[in-house]
Amino acid sequence: MLKTKNMNPIRTLSGVTPVAILTKSFPCPGKCIYCPTEKNVPKSYLSSEPAVARAISANYDPVKQIINRINVYKITGHPVEKIELIIITSNWITLPERYKQQFILSIYNTLNSLSNPKYKKTTELKKAQFANQKAKHKIVGISIETRPDTITKKEIEKLRELGITRVEMGVQSLDNKVLKEIKRGHSVSATIKATKLLKDSGFKVCYHLMPNLPSSNPDKDYQMIKKVFSDQNFRPDQLKIYPCVLTHGTKLEDLYKNNLWTPYDDKTMINLLSDIKSNLIPAYIRIMRLWRDIPCQEISAGSKFSHMRLLVKENLDKMNKKCLCIRCREIKDKPPSKNLMLDRINYQASSGKEIFLQYIDNQYNIYALARLRIPVSPFIKELKSSALIRELHVYGPSKPLKNFNSDKTYTQHKGLGKKLIHHCENIVKKETNLSKIAAISAVGVRNYYQKLGYRLEGTYMVKHLST
């Protein structure tokens, strides 16, 4: 099969190749009034959404989904060595345990087989993970979606055994009155508890937030986002902002028909999101999305602009304002710079100390980052007396590992990640009394840490620090 010119370079300009796949549909305990419920589709998703349509065509088979996505990437000229796996489902933690194990195992086996035709598939997850450490198609991150009230210590340990590194939580609102109105089934306290447990276990934390819910208004939504970053109980690493829209067959229709809920008009929504991005977002946050990928024909009421991010950017440009989030500052395809500065941001979060390190240029574009956490009381034994590297990322086009030293057009594999790790280690040595540092490494990144003196302990890469 012939390769063609890279038709959508933005896909891999963050340094990894994202592959989104869906699980089968299983019952969800939630009764949220805005959620569409379509037969044989995970709750809250629609069969017409692009990722869902692809999954349906593959009969939700993870093997077929992975192979199809990798083939598309290859055809369109994208590298497929560093796979960031995004598992889409209504609620990962409530899925049957055997199904989850087999789902993840089949993914490792598939990527290993694509890397090496002689690879023999295994029924043992640890063997498949070990093989992926040396595979051509490495998993460098896995994210799942769930609810805050499903996060427990036991479930976190299961997530780590599977190799999960990021958890996306449907927080939706920080107002208990709103949560009750939409029949969310949990309170804000569940979000606070889940956020701390996840951070103290090294996970990256992404919040899903929904402006324009019943019992809210633009001012309340603005204040909600403000609280996300002003209150140390929250302060996630990433955001997906999904303004509420009306889809057919949801219980929200009753409120809409009785004039008890009215969606914001387009101008109000664009101005709200612009104000949030320009005034509230700290530099350590990455806004992953500003809109759900719902086809406009499925929306009965609410904005139908699928290109909301672009509209907001245009609005900010008119006002000569900027968003400082990581995604807006990524270097993308800019050439590497030799004049980078190390910037450090300290902040308290979930009762621990967060240290955000970033390499930036003189225009505040971001080239690489590390998230270091000094936790108070991690419950996982391997993390006792340990600082946590929760994220290490070098931006720019995803770079093939073969012969990478010969290409000067890439930022990756130029030593920025290694330098950030050394900075983290020095901070722990000089500013804490902790004796070790642990990284929540995806399986495909373990060898990288091993070269820097880290060893696998439990599911973490750990280095004992000398004084």
Protein backbone atom coordinates (compact mmCIF):
# COMPACT_ATOMS: atom_id res chain seq x y z
CA MET A 1 0.00 0.00 0.00
CA LEU A 2 1.50 3.34 -1.06
CA LYS A 3 1.98 6.14 1.39
CA THR A 4 0.53 9.54 0.53
CA LYS A 5 1.42 13.01 1.67
CA ASN A 6 0.53 13.75 5.28
CA MET A 7 -3.04 15.01 4.80
CA ASN A 8 -3.68 16.17 8.37
CA PRO A 9 -0.33 16.90 10.05
CA ILE A 10 -1.96 18.32 13.20
CA ARG A 11 -2.83 14.76 14.27
CA THR A 12 0.72 13.97 15.38
CA LEU A 13 2.16 17.44 16.04
CA SER A 14 1.89 16.93 19.81
CA GLY A 15 4.62 14.30 19.70
CA VAL A 16 2.46 11.16 19.83
CA THR A 17 -0.01 9.32 17.61
CA PRO A 18 -3.46 9.33 19.28
CA VAL A 19 -5.59 6.26 18.64
CA ALA A 20 -9.17 6.40 19.94
CA ILE A 21 -11.14 3.16 20.20
CA LEU A 22 -14.46 2.28 21.81
CA THR A 23 -15.62 -0.51 24.07
CA LYS A 24 -18.88 -2.33 23.59
CA SER A 25 -22.01 -0.89 25.13
CA PHE A 26 -22.66 -1.92 28.72
CA PRO A 27 -25.20 -0.60 31.24
CA CYS A 28 -24.16 2.67 32.87
CA PRO A 29 -25.28 3.39 36.46
CA GLY A 30 -25.73 7.07 35.61
CA LYS A 31 -29.15 8.63 34.98
CA CYS A 32 -27.96 11.99 33.66
CA ILE A 33 -30.76 13.88 31.94
CA TYR A 34 -28.60 15.18 29.07
CA CYS A 35 -27.12 11.80 28.05
CA PRO A 36 -28.32 10.21 24.80
CA THR A 37 -29.03 6.50 25.08
CA GLU A 38 -28.77 4.72 21.76
CA LYS A 39 -29.06 0.97 21.42
CA ASN A 40 -25.71 -0.84 21.10
CA VAL A 41 -23.77 2.40 21.61
CA PRO A 42 -21.95 3.33 24.85
CA LYS A 43 -24.16 5.70 26.81
CA SER A 44 -23.65 9.43 26.12
CA TYR A 45 -22.33 8.67 22.62
CA LEU A 46 -24.09 8.62 19.24
CA SER A 47 -23.61 6.25 16.32
CA SER A 48 -23.09 9.20 13.96
CA GLU A 49 -20.01 10.48 15.80
CA PRO A 50 -16.88 9.70 13.74
CA ALA A 51 -15.08 7.59 16.35
CA VAL A 52 -18.28 5.68 17.17
CA ALA A 53 -19.05 5.04 13.50
CA ARG A 54 -15.55 3.60 13.04
CA ALA A 55 -16.02 1.35 16.08
CA ILE A 56 -19.41 0.11 14.85
CA SER A 57 -17.93 -0.77 11.45
CA ALA A 58 -15.38 -2.90 13.32
CA ASN A 59 -18.12 -4.41 15.52
CA TYR A 60 -16.35 -2.83 18.52
CA ASP A 61 -13.50 -5.31 18.11
CA PRO A 62 -10.41 -3.61 19.62
CA VAL A 63 -8.10 -5.53 17.29
CA LYS A 64 -9.88 -4.36 14.15
CA GLN A 65 -10.13 -0.82 15.48
CA ILE A 66 -6.41 -0.62 16.23
CA ILE A 67 -5.38 -2.10 12.88
CA ASN A 68 -7.75 0.18 10.95
CA ARG A 69 -6.49 3.32 12.66
CA ILE A 70 -2.84 2.43 12.23
CA ASN A 71 -3.39 1.67 8.55
CA VAL A 72 -5.07 5.05 8.05
CA TYR A 73 -2.19 6.81 9.78
CA LYS A 74 0.33 4.98 7.61
CA ILE A 75 -1.53 5.80 4.40
CA THR A 76 -1.68 9.49 5.31
CA GLY A 77 2.01 9.66 6.16
CA HIS A 78 1.93 9.70 9.95
CA PRO A 79 4.43 7.87 12.19
CA VAL A 80 2.89 5.08 14.24
CA GLU A 81 5.62 4.20 16.73
CA LYS A 82 4.39 6.13 19.79
CA ILE A 83 0.76 5.22 20.36
CA GLU A 84 -1.33 7.19 22.82
CA LEU A 85 -4.36 4.98 23.36
CA ILE A 86 -7.63 6.73 24.17
CA ILE A 87 -10.34 4.33 25.31
CA ILE A 88 -13.83 5.76 24.86
CA THR A 89 -16.69 4.32 26.89
CA SER A 90 -19.51 5.44 29.12
CA ASN A 91 -17.80 4.33 32.34
CA TRP A 92 -14.68 2.17 32.20
CA ILE A 93 -14.56 1.11 35.85
CA THR A 94 -18.07 -0.39 35.85
CA LEU A 95 -17.36 -2.59 32.81
CA PRO A 96 -17.02 -6.36 33.47
CA GLU A 97 -13.54 -7.19 34.79
CA ARG A 98 -12.90 -10.03 32.35
CA TYR A 99 -13.92 -7.85 29.41
CA LYS A 100 -11.52 -5.07 30.47
CA GLN A 101 -8.63 -7.50 30.87
CA GLN A 102 -9.22 -9.08 27.47
CA PHE A 103 -9.75 -5.70 25.82
CA ILE A 104 -6.39 -4.35 27.00
CA LEU A 105 -4.55 -7.65 26.44
CA SER A 106 -5.76 -7.84 22.84
CA ILE A 107 -4.42 -4.33 22.20
CA TYR A 108 -0.94 -5.17 23.49
CA ASN A 109 -0.95 -8.44 21.51
CA THR A 110 -2.07 -6.66 18.34
CA LEU A 111 0.58 -3.94 18.51
CA ASN A 112 3.25 -6.53 19.29
CA SER A 113 2.14 -8.65 16.32
CA LEU A 114 2.16 -5.66 13.98
CA SER A 115 5.68 -4.92 15.18
CA ASN A 116 6.93 -8.48 14.79
CA PRO A 117 5.11 -11.09 12.64
CA LYS A 118 6.89 -13.83 14.62
CA TYR A 119 5.43 -12.63 17.91
CA LYS A 120 3.31 -15.29 19.60
CA LYS A 121 0.23 -13.89 21.28
CA THR A 122 0.01 -14.56 24.97
CA THR A 123 -2.81 -14.86 27.49
CA GLU A 124 -0.68 -13.23 30.20
CA LEU A 125 -0.96 -9.47 30.39
CA LYS A 126 2.48 -8.91 31.95
CA LYS A 127 4.17 -10.88 29.17
CA ALA A 128 2.37 -8.86 26.53
CA GLN A 129 3.35 -5.62 28.30
CA PHE A 130 6.98 -6.69 28.57
CA ALA A 131 7.05 -7.46 24.84
CA ASN A 132 5.62 -4.03 24.05
CA GLN A 133 8.61 -2.39 25.74
CA LYS A 134 10.68 -3.43 22.72
CA ALA A 135 7.96 -3.35 20.05
CA LYS A 136 7.99 -1.00 17.08
CA HIS A 137 4.48 0.20 17.97
CA LYS A 138 4.87 1.19 21.62
CA ILE A 139 2.07 2.32 23.90
CA VAL A 140 3.26 5.58 25.46
CA GLY A 141 0.03 6.36 27.29
CA ILE A 142 -3.46 4.97 27.94
CA SER A 143 -6.45 7.02 29.05
CA ILE A 144 -9.88 5.88 30.19
CA GLU A 145 -13.15 7.66 31.00
CA THR A 146 -15.10 7.20 34.20
CA ARG A 147 -17.08 8.97 36.94
CA PRO A 148 -15.54 10.47 40.11
CA ASP A 149 -17.65 8.26 42.37
CA THR A 150 -16.14 5.08 40.89
CA ILE A 151 -12.56 5.93 41.88
CA THR A 152 -11.31 3.88 44.84
CA LYS A 153 -7.91 2.64 45.98
CA LYS A 154 -8.72 -0.85 44.74
CA GLU A 155 -9.80 0.40 41.32
CA ILE A 156 -6.68 2.54 41.00
CA GLU A 157 -4.50 -0.51 41.55
CA LYS A 158 -6.41 -2.30 38.78
CA LEU A 159 -5.89 0.64 36.44
CA ARG A 160 -2.16 0.53 37.04
CA GLU A 161 -1.99 -3.21 36.36
CA LEU A 162 -3.52 -2.55 32.95
CA GLY A 163 -1.03 0.23 32.22
CA ILE A 164 -3.45 3.17 32.44
CA THR A 165 -1.68 6.52 32.85
CA ARG A 166 -4.47 9.12 32.50
CA VAL A 167 -8.00 9.24 33.90
CA GLU A 168 -10.69 11.46 32.40
CA MET A 169 -13.51 12.14 34.84
CA GLY A 170 -17.00 13.36 34.06
CA VAL A 171 -17.00 16.08 36.71
CA GLN A 172 -19.52 18.23 34.74
CA SER A 173 -20.10 20.81 37.51
CA LEU A 174 -18.77 21.97 40.88
CA ASP A 175 -22.24 22.99 42.06
CA ASN A 176 -24.15 20.36 44.04
CA LYS A 177 -27.45 21.99 43.11
CA VAL A 178 -26.65 21.59 39.42
CA LEU A 179 -25.46 18.01 39.91
CA LYS A 180 -28.74 17.19 41.63
CA GLU A 181 -30.77 18.87 38.89
CA ILE A 182 -29.11 16.82 36.15
CA LYS A 183 -29.37 13.61 38.25
CA ARG A 184 -25.64 13.08 38.10
CA GLY A 185 -25.66 10.77 41.11
CA HIS A 186 -22.62 12.12 42.94
CA SER A 187 -21.58 15.29 44.75
CA VAL A 188 -18.59 17.60 44.47
CA SER A 189 -16.95 15.77 47.39
CA ALA A 190 -16.58 12.69 45.16
CA THR A 191 -14.58 14.77 42.68
CA ILE A 192 -12.32 16.10 45.44
CA LYS A 193 -11.63 12.61 46.80
CA ALA A 194 -11.06 11.03 43.39
CA THR A 195 -8.73 13.81 42.27
CA LYS A 196 -6.46 13.37 45.28
CA LEU A 197 -6.34 9.58 45.02
CA LEU A 198 -5.42 9.77 41.36
CA LYS A 199 -2.75 12.44 41.76
CA ASP A 200 -1.17 10.67 44.71
CA SER A 201 -0.95 7.58 42.48
CA GLY A 202 0.80 9.51 39.72
CA PHE A 203 -2.04 9.72 37.19
CA LYS A 204 -2.65 12.66 34.90
CA VAL A 205 -6.14 13.96 35.64
CA CYS A 206 -8.51 15.36 33.03
CA TYR A 207 -11.85 16.96 33.96
CA HIS A 208 -14.87 16.96 31.66
CA LEU A 209 -16.85 20.12 32.44
CA MET A 210 -20.24 21.16 31.04
CA PRO A 211 -21.25 24.82 30.86
CA ASN A 212 -24.92 25.60 30.09
CA LEU A 213 -26.40 22.91 32.33
CA PRO A 214 -29.84 23.37 33.92
CA SER A 215 -29.76 25.63 37.01
CA SER A 216 -26.60 27.32 35.72
CA ASN A 217 -25.93 30.46 33.71
CA PRO A 218 -22.90 32.09 32.02
CA ASP A 219 -21.77 33.86 35.19
CA LYS A 220 -22.05 30.66 37.26
CA ASP A 221 -20.15 28.74 34.59
CA TYR A 222 -17.38 31.31 34.61
CA GLN A 223 -17.16 31.16 38.40
CA MET A 224 -17.12 27.36 38.25
CA ILE A 225 -14.07 27.32 35.99
CA LYS A 226 -12.48 29.97 38.20
CA LYS A 227 -12.98 27.71 41.21
CA VAL A 228 -11.40 24.78 39.39
CA PHE A 229 -8.09 26.65 39.49
CA SER A 230 -8.44 28.83 42.59
CA ASP A 231 -9.33 25.93 44.91
CA GLN A 232 -6.45 23.54 45.60
CA ASN A 233 -8.92 20.66 45.94
CA PHE A 234 -9.25 20.58 42.15
CA ARG A 235 -6.59 21.93 39.73
CA PRO A 236 -6.55 19.12 37.17
CA ASP A 237 -3.87 18.76 34.49
CA GLN A 238 -6.18 18.78 31.50
CA LEU A 239 -9.68 19.93 30.58
CA LYS A 240 -12.34 18.94 28.11
CA ILE A 241 -15.06 21.58 28.01
CA TYR A 242 -18.29 20.15 26.62
CA PRO A 243 -21.06 22.79 26.64
CA CYS A 244 -24.44 21.14 27.04
CA VAL A 245 -26.57 20.71 23.91
CA LEU A 246 -29.91 19.00 23.42
CA THR A 247 -30.03 15.69 21.57
CA HIS A 248 -33.21 13.80 20.72
CA GLY A 249 -34.67 11.36 23.22
CA THR A 250 -32.99 12.69 26.36
CA LYS A 251 -34.84 13.72 29.51
CA LEU A 252 -33.47 17.22 29.00
CA GLU A 253 -36.07 17.58 26.23
CA ASP A 254 -38.83 17.92 28.82
CA LEU A 255 -37.10 20.86 30.46
CA TYR A 256 -36.50 22.47 27.07
CA LYS A 257 -40.12 22.06 25.94
CA ASN A 258 -41.38 23.55 29.21
CA ASN A 259 -38.98 26.51 28.99
CA LEU A 260 -37.10 25.32 32.08
CA TRP A 261 -33.78 25.15 30.23
CA THR A 262 -32.59 27.34 27.39
CA PRO A 263 -29.27 26.85 25.59
CA TYR A 264 -26.98 29.85 25.28
CA ASP A 265 -26.97 31.57 21.91
CA ASP A 266 -23.80 31.31 19.83
CA LYS A 267 -22.50 34.76 20.74
CA THR A 268 -22.94 34.13 24.45
CA MET A 269 -21.17 30.78 24.21
CA ILE A 270 -18.25 32.15 22.19
CA ASN A 271 -17.81 35.07 24.59
CA LEU A 272 -18.01 32.80 27.65
CA LEU A 273 -15.38 30.39 26.32
CA SER A 274 -13.20 33.30 25.23
CA ASP A 275 -13.34 34.84 28.71
CA ILE A 276 -12.52 31.50 30.30
CA LYS A 277 -9.54 30.86 28.02
CA SER A 278 -8.07 34.34 28.26
CA ASN A 279 -8.64 35.02 31.97
CA LEU A 280 -8.73 31.78 33.93
CA ILE A 281 -6.52 29.11 32.40
CA PRO A 282 -3.07 28.69 33.99
CA ALA A 283 -0.04 27.68 31.95
CA TYR A 284 0.08 24.16 33.44
CA ILE A 285 -3.29 23.20 31.92
CA ARG A 286 -3.93 21.66 28.52
CA ILE A 287 -7.42 22.23 27.13
CA MET A 288 -7.94 19.05 25.14
CA ARG A 289 -11.31 19.99 23.64
CA LEU A 290 -13.78 22.87 23.62
CA TRP A 291 -16.65 20.95 22.07
CA ARG A 292 -18.03 17.43 21.75
CA ASP A 293 -17.74 15.91 18.29
CA ILE A 294 -21.54 15.63 17.87
CA PRO A 295 -22.76 15.97 14.27
CA CYS A 296 -24.93 19.07 13.90
CA GLN A 297 -27.92 17.06 12.61
CA GLU A 298 -28.08 15.34 16.01
CA ILE A 299 -28.38 18.62 17.92
CA SER A 300 -31.97 19.73 18.53
CA ALA A 301 -31.03 22.88 20.44
CA GLY A 302 -27.76 24.57 21.25
CA SER A 303 -24.77 25.66 19.23
CA LYS A 304 -23.99 23.54 16.17
CA PHE A 305 -20.50 24.93 15.57
CA SER A 306 -18.15 21.94 15.48
CA HIS A 307 -15.26 24.38 14.93
CA MET A 308 -15.85 26.20 18.23
CA ARG A 309 -12.15 26.25 19.10
CA LEU A 310 -11.39 28.19 15.91
CA LEU A 311 -14.25 30.64 16.52
CA VAL A 312 -13.01 31.30 20.03
CA LYS A 313 -9.47 31.85 18.79
CA GLU A 314 -10.69 34.31 16.18
CA ASN A 315 -12.63 36.14 18.87
CA LEU A 316 -9.55 36.31 21.10
CA ASP A 317 -7.44 37.57 18.20
CA LYS A 318 -9.90 40.42 17.62
CA MET A 319 -9.53 41.41 21.27
CA ASN A 320 -5.75 40.95 21.15
CA LYS A 321 -5.97 38.32 23.89
CA LYS A 322 -4.38 34.90 24.24
CA CYS A 323 -4.94 31.60 25.99
CA LEU A 324 -1.96 30.28 27.96
CA CYS A 325 -3.01 26.64 27.94
CA ILE A 326 -0.45 24.10 26.79
CA ARG A 327 -2.27 23.20 23.60
CA CYS A 328 -2.34 26.84 22.49
CA ARG A 329 1.40 27.15 23.18
CA GLU A 330 2.66 23.89 21.67
CA ILE A 331 5.39 24.43 19.08
CA LYS A 332 3.66 22.11 16.59
CA ASP A 333 5.80 22.18 13.42
CA LYS A 334 7.99 25.15 14.37
CA PRO A 335 11.72 24.44 13.94
CA PRO A 336 13.71 23.60 17.08
CA SER A 337 15.10 26.52 19.05
CA LYS A 338 18.55 26.63 20.63
CA ASN A 339 17.61 29.38 23.06
CA LEU A 340 15.20 27.69 25.44
CA MET A 341 14.53 28.71 29.03
CA LEU A 342 13.49 26.48 31.91
CA ASP A 343 10.37 27.85 33.57
CA ARG A 344 9.04 26.60 36.89
CA ILE A 345 5.52 26.94 38.31
CA ASN A 346 4.77 25.85 41.88
CA TYR A 347 1.23 25.31 43.13
CA GLN A 348 -0.65 23.37 45.78
CA ALA A 349 -3.13 20.75 44.58
CA SER A 350 -5.06 18.05 46.42
CA SER A 351 -2.98 18.62 49.57
CA GLY A 352 0.28 18.00 47.74
CA LYS A 353 2.89 20.21 46.10
CA GLU A 354 2.96 20.34 42.31
CA ILE A 355 6.02 21.53 40.42
CA PHE A 356 5.44 22.18 36.73
CA LEU A 357 8.60 22.47 34.67
CA GLN A 358 8.57 23.61 31.06
CA TYR A 359 11.08 24.48 28.38
CA ILE A 360 9.89 27.61 26.58
CA ASP A 361 11.21 30.10 24.04
CA ASN A 362 11.07 33.88 24.30
CA GLN A 363 7.50 33.87 22.97
CA TYR A 364 6.36 31.45 25.69
CA ASN A 365 5.91 28.58 23.21
CA ILE A 366 6.27 25.25 24.99
CA TYR A 367 8.74 22.59 23.83
CA ALA A 368 8.69 20.12 26.72
CA LEU A 369 7.19 19.68 30.18
CA ALA A 370 7.39 17.63 33.34
CA ARG A 371 4.90 17.36 36.20
CA LEU A 372 6.53 16.59 39.54
CA ARG A 373 4.37 15.96 42.61
CA ILE A 374 5.40 15.87 46.24
CA PRO A 375 2.49 13.90 47.75
CA VAL A 376 1.44 13.82 51.38
CA SER A 377 0.25 10.26 51.88
CA PRO A 378 0.28 7.95 48.82
CA PHE A 379 -1.37 4.63 49.59
CA ILE A 380 0.53 2.50 47.03
CA LYS A 381 3.49 0.89 48.81
CA GLU A 382 5.97 1.49 45.97
CA LEU A 383 5.28 5.21 46.28
CA LYS A 384 6.01 5.59 49.99
CA SER A 385 8.71 8.22 50.62
CA SER A 386 8.68 8.98 46.91
CA ALA A 387 8.17 12.01 44.69
CA LEU A 388 6.13 11.39 41.54
CA ILE A 389 6.81 12.25 37.94
CA ARG A 390 3.23 12.30 36.67
CA GLU A 391 4.01 13.43 33.14
CA LEU A 392 7.00 13.88 30.85
CA HIS A 393 6.31 15.16 27.36
CA VAL A 394 8.33 16.64 24.50
CA TYR A 395 6.26 18.41 21.84
CA GLY A 396 6.66 18.88 18.12
CA PRO A 397 6.05 16.33 15.34
CA SER A 398 6.09 12.72 16.47
CA LYS A 399 9.57 11.50 15.65
CA PRO A 400 10.45 8.02 14.33
CA LEU A 401 12.90 6.32 16.68
CA LYS A 402 15.12 4.98 13.88
CA ASN A 403 18.12 7.19 13.09
CA PHE A 404 16.61 10.05 15.06
CA ASN A 405 19.98 11.66 15.84
CA SER A 406 20.58 12.43 12.17
CA ASP A 407 17.53 14.68 11.77
CA LYS A 408 17.82 18.23 13.07
CA THR A 409 14.29 19.30 12.15
CA TYR A 410 12.70 17.63 15.18
CA THR A 411 12.59 18.74 18.82
CA GLN A 412 12.10 15.20 20.12
CA HIS A 413 15.13 13.07 21.01
CA LYS A 414 17.37 16.07 21.58
CA GLY A 415 17.73 15.52 25.33
CA LEU A 416 14.98 17.81 26.67
CA GLY A 417 13.17 14.95 28.42
CA LYS A 418 16.38 13.75 30.02
CA LYS A 419 17.19 17.25 31.24
CA LEU A 420 13.74 17.61 32.79
CA ILE A 421 14.12 14.32 34.64
CA HIS A 422 17.47 15.46 36.04
CA HIS A 423 15.86 18.73 37.16
CA CYS A 424 13.13 16.75 38.91
CA GLU A 425 15.68 14.57 40.67
CA ASN A 426 17.69 17.59 41.82
CA ILE A 427 14.57 19.28 43.18
CA VAL A 428 13.71 16.17 45.20
CA LYS A 429 17.27 15.93 46.54
CA LYS A 430 17.61 19.59 47.48
CA GLU A 431 14.10 20.56 48.54
CA THR A 432 12.63 17.44 50.18
CA ASN A 433 13.62 14.66 52.53
CA LEU A 434 12.28 11.98 50.18
CA SER A 435 14.56 9.10 49.28
CA LYS A 436 13.31 8.19 45.81
CA ILE A 437 11.42 9.32 42.75
CA ALA A 438 8.83 7.30 40.80
CA ALA A 439 7.43 7.78 37.30
CA ILE A 440 4.01 6.57 36.16
CA SER A 441 5.52 5.24 32.98
CA ALA A 442 3.46 3.70 30.22
CA VAL A 443 4.74 0.26 29.21
CA GLY A 444 6.33 1.55 26.02
CA VAL A 445 8.39 4.15 27.88
CA ARG A 446 9.89 1.87 30.53
CA ASN A 447 13.13 1.29 28.60
CA TYR A 448 13.65 5.05 28.35
CA TYR A 449 13.54 5.41 32.12
CA GLN A 450 15.64 2.29 32.59
CA LYS A 451 18.50 3.94 30.68
CA LEU A 452 18.37 6.76 33.22
CA GLY A 453 18.76 4.48 36.22
CA TYR A 454 15.11 3.69 36.97
CA ARG A 455 13.92 0.17 37.76
CA LEU A 456 10.46 -1.37 37.67
CA GLU A 457 8.88 -1.65 41.11
CA GLY A 458 5.28 -2.76 41.02
CA THR A 459 3.88 -0.83 38.06
CA TYR A 460 6.14 2.23 38.44
CA MET A 461 9.65 3.08 37.27
CA VAL A 462 11.53 3.99 40.44
CA LYS A 463 14.95 5.48 41.18
CA HIS A 464 16.48 5.55 44.63
CA LEU A 465 18.31 8.83 45.05
CA SER A 466 21.72 9.14 46.61
CA THR A 467 22.37 12.10 48.87
